[in-house]
Amino acid sequence: MVTRTDEYLVYDFSNILAALGGALGLFIGFSFYDCGSLIVDALEKKSNKKVKRLCEAVQNVNEECALRAGIINDYMV
C-alpha cells in the first residue's frame, strides 16, 4: 500500500507580514504606515531645506548682478 501526501504553501510572505504587522499594531501600537510616513516626512523636510538654500543663492546672485549693472538703486537695497 502506497500513501500519497501533497504539500502546499499555507503561509507566504505577504501573510506573514500581515500577521506580524497586525500583532505589532495590536499589542505595541506599531504601524508600517506610520514608519513609512516618518521616513517620507524626513526626506521631504531635508529636500525642502536644500531647495530653499538653492533659491536663496540664486536670488543673491540675481541681486548682485543687478547691482553691478546699476539696475537697483541704493534705496531699494
C-alpha atoms as a PDB file:
ATOM      1  CA  MET A   1       0.000   0.000   0.000  1.00  0.00           C
ATOM      2  CA  VAL A   2       1.361   3.419  -1.072  1.00  0.00           C
ATOM      3  CA  THR A   3       0.372   6.610   0.752  1.00  0.00           C
ATOM      4  CA  ARG A   4       0.412   9.830  -1.211  1.00  0.00           C
ATOM      5  CA  THR A   5       0.908  13.162   0.548  1.00  0.00           C
ATOM      6  CA  ASP A   6       0.755  16.567  -1.071  1.00  0.00           C
ATOM      7  CA  GLU A   7       2.421  19.664   0.301  1.00  0.00           C
ATOM      8  CA  TYR A   8       1.213  23.154  -0.384  1.00  0.00           C
ATOM      9  CA  LEU A   9       2.135  26.599   0.821  1.00  0.00           C
ATOM     10  CA  VAL A  10      -0.091  27.755   3.639  1.00  0.00           C
ATOM     11  CA  TYR A  11       1.704  30.963   4.666  1.00  0.00           C
ATOM     12  CA  ASP A  12       3.512  33.057   2.073  1.00  0.00           C
ATOM     13  CA  PHE A  13       5.479  36.229   2.738  1.00  0.00           C
ATOM     14  CA  SER A  14       2.531  38.618   2.492  1.00  0.00           C
ATOM     15  CA  ASN A  15       0.536  36.536   5.013  1.00  0.00           C
ATOM     16  CA  ILE A  16       3.457  36.511   7.448  1.00  0.00           C
ATOM     17  CA  LEU A  17       3.918  40.274   7.035  1.00  0.00           C
ATOM     18  CA  ALA A  18       0.202  40.901   7.618  1.00  0.00           C
ATOM     19  CA  ALA A  19       0.139  38.691  10.713  1.00  0.00           C
ATOM     20  CA  LEU A  20       3.275  40.298  12.121  1.00  0.00           C
ATOM     21  CA  GLY A  21       2.028  43.832  11.400  1.00  0.00           C
ATOM     22  CA  GLY A  22      -1.352  43.067  12.953  1.00  0.00           C
ATOM     23  CA  ALA A  23       0.212  41.661  16.111  1.00  0.00           C
ATOM     24  CA  LEU A  24       2.624  44.583  16.457  1.00  0.00           C
ATOM     25  CA  GLY A  25      -0.149  47.090  15.858  1.00  0.00           C
ATOM     26  CA  LEU A  26      -2.456  45.433  18.319  1.00  0.00           C
ATOM     27  CA  PHE A  27      -0.014  44.960  21.175  1.00  0.00           C
ATOM     28  CA  ILE A  28       2.584  47.703  20.691  1.00  0.00           C
ATOM     29  CA  GLY A  29       0.864  50.313  18.552  1.00  0.00           C
ATOM     30  CA  PHE A  30       3.398  49.967  15.732  1.00  0.00           C
ATOM     31  CA  SER A  31       2.270  50.697  12.201  1.00  0.00           C
ATOM     32  CA  PHE A  32       4.216  50.155   8.981  1.00  0.00           C
ATOM     33  CA  TYR A  33       2.294  53.108   7.519  1.00  0.00           C
ATOM     34  CA  ASP A  34       3.431  55.414  10.343  1.00  0.00           C
ATOM     35  CA  CYS A  35       7.014  54.227   9.989  1.00  0.00           C
ATOM     36  CA  GLY A  36       6.968  54.881   6.246  1.00  0.00           C
ATOM     37  CA  SER A  37       5.271  58.225   6.774  1.00  0.00           C
ATOM     38  CA  LEU A  38       8.019  59.335   9.176  1.00  0.00           C
ATOM     39  CA  ILE A  39      10.689  58.414   6.636  1.00  0.00           C
ATOM     40  CA  VAL A  40       8.928  60.271   3.817  1.00  0.00           C
ATOM     41  CA  ASP A  41       8.421  63.352   6.018  1.00  0.00           C
ATOM     42  CA  ALA A  42      12.106  63.402   6.976  1.00  0.00           C
ATOM     43  CA  LEU A  43      13.193  63.130   3.340  1.00  0.00           C
ATOM     44  CA  GLU A  44      10.754  65.848   2.311  1.00  0.00           C
ATOM     45  CA  LYS A  45      11.993  68.200   5.035  1.00  0.00           C
ATOM     46  CA  LYS A  46      15.604  67.602   4.002  1.00  0.00           C
ATOM     47  CA  SER A  47      14.881  68.247   0.328  1.00  0.00           C
ATOM     48  CA  ASN A  48      12.884  71.409   1.150  1.00  0.00           C
ATOM     49  CA  LYS A  49      15.882  72.831   3.007  1.00  0.00           C
ATOM     50  CA  LYS A  50      18.132  72.192   0.004  1.00  0.00           C
ATOM     51  CA  VAL A  51      15.647  73.791  -2.404  1.00  0.00           C
ATOM     52  CA  LYS A  52      15.285  76.830  -0.127  1.00  0.00           C
ATOM     53  CA  ARG A  53      19.062  77.287   0.061  1.00  0.00           C
ATOM     54  CA  LEU A  54      19.324  76.980  -3.719  1.00  0.00           C
ATOM     55  CA  CYS A  55      16.586  79.594  -4.250  1.00  0.00           C
ATOM     56  CA  GLU A  56      18.281  81.977  -1.809  1.00  0.00           C
ATOM     57  CA  ALA A  57      21.611  81.528  -3.603  1.00  0.00           C
ATOM     58  CA  VAL A  58      20.010  82.247  -6.981  1.00  0.00           C
ATOM     59  CA  GLN A  59      18.269  85.324  -5.574  1.00  0.00           C
ATOM     60  CA  ASN A  60      21.560  86.610  -4.131  1.00  0.00           C
ATOM     61  CA  VAL A  61      23.296  86.127  -7.479  1.00  0.00           C
ATOM     62  CA  ASN A  62      20.486  87.923  -9.306  1.00  0.00           C
ATOM     63  CA  GLU A  63      20.631  90.873  -6.891  1.00  0.00           C
ATOM     64  CA  GLU A  64      24.412  91.059  -7.187  1.00  0.00           C
ATOM     65  CA  CYS A  65      24.232  91.072 -10.984  1.00  0.00           C
ATOM     66  CA  ALA A  66      21.568  93.781 -10.905  1.00  0.00           C
ATOM     67  CA  LEU A  67      23.664  95.897  -8.537  1.00  0.00           C
ATOM     68  CA  ARG A  68      26.691  95.560 -10.796  1.00  0.00           C
ATOM     69  CA  ALA A  69      24.619  96.560 -13.798  1.00  0.00           C
ATOM     70  CA  GLY A  70      23.245  99.567 -11.896  1.00  0.00           C
ATOM     71  CA  ILE A  71      19.632  98.436 -12.199  1.00  0.00           C
ATOM     72  CA  ILE A  72      18.802  98.545  -8.494  1.00  0.00           C
ATOM     73  CA  ASN A  73      19.001 101.959  -6.836  1.00  0.00           C
ATOM     74  CA  ASP A  74      20.518 102.493  -3.419  1.00  0.00           C
ATOM     75  CA  TYR A  75      17.116 102.943  -1.745  1.00  0.00           C
ATOM     76  CA  MET A  76      15.939  99.504  -2.903  1.00  0.00           C
ATOM     77  CA  VAL A  77      18.814  97.599  -1.307  1.00  0.00           C
END
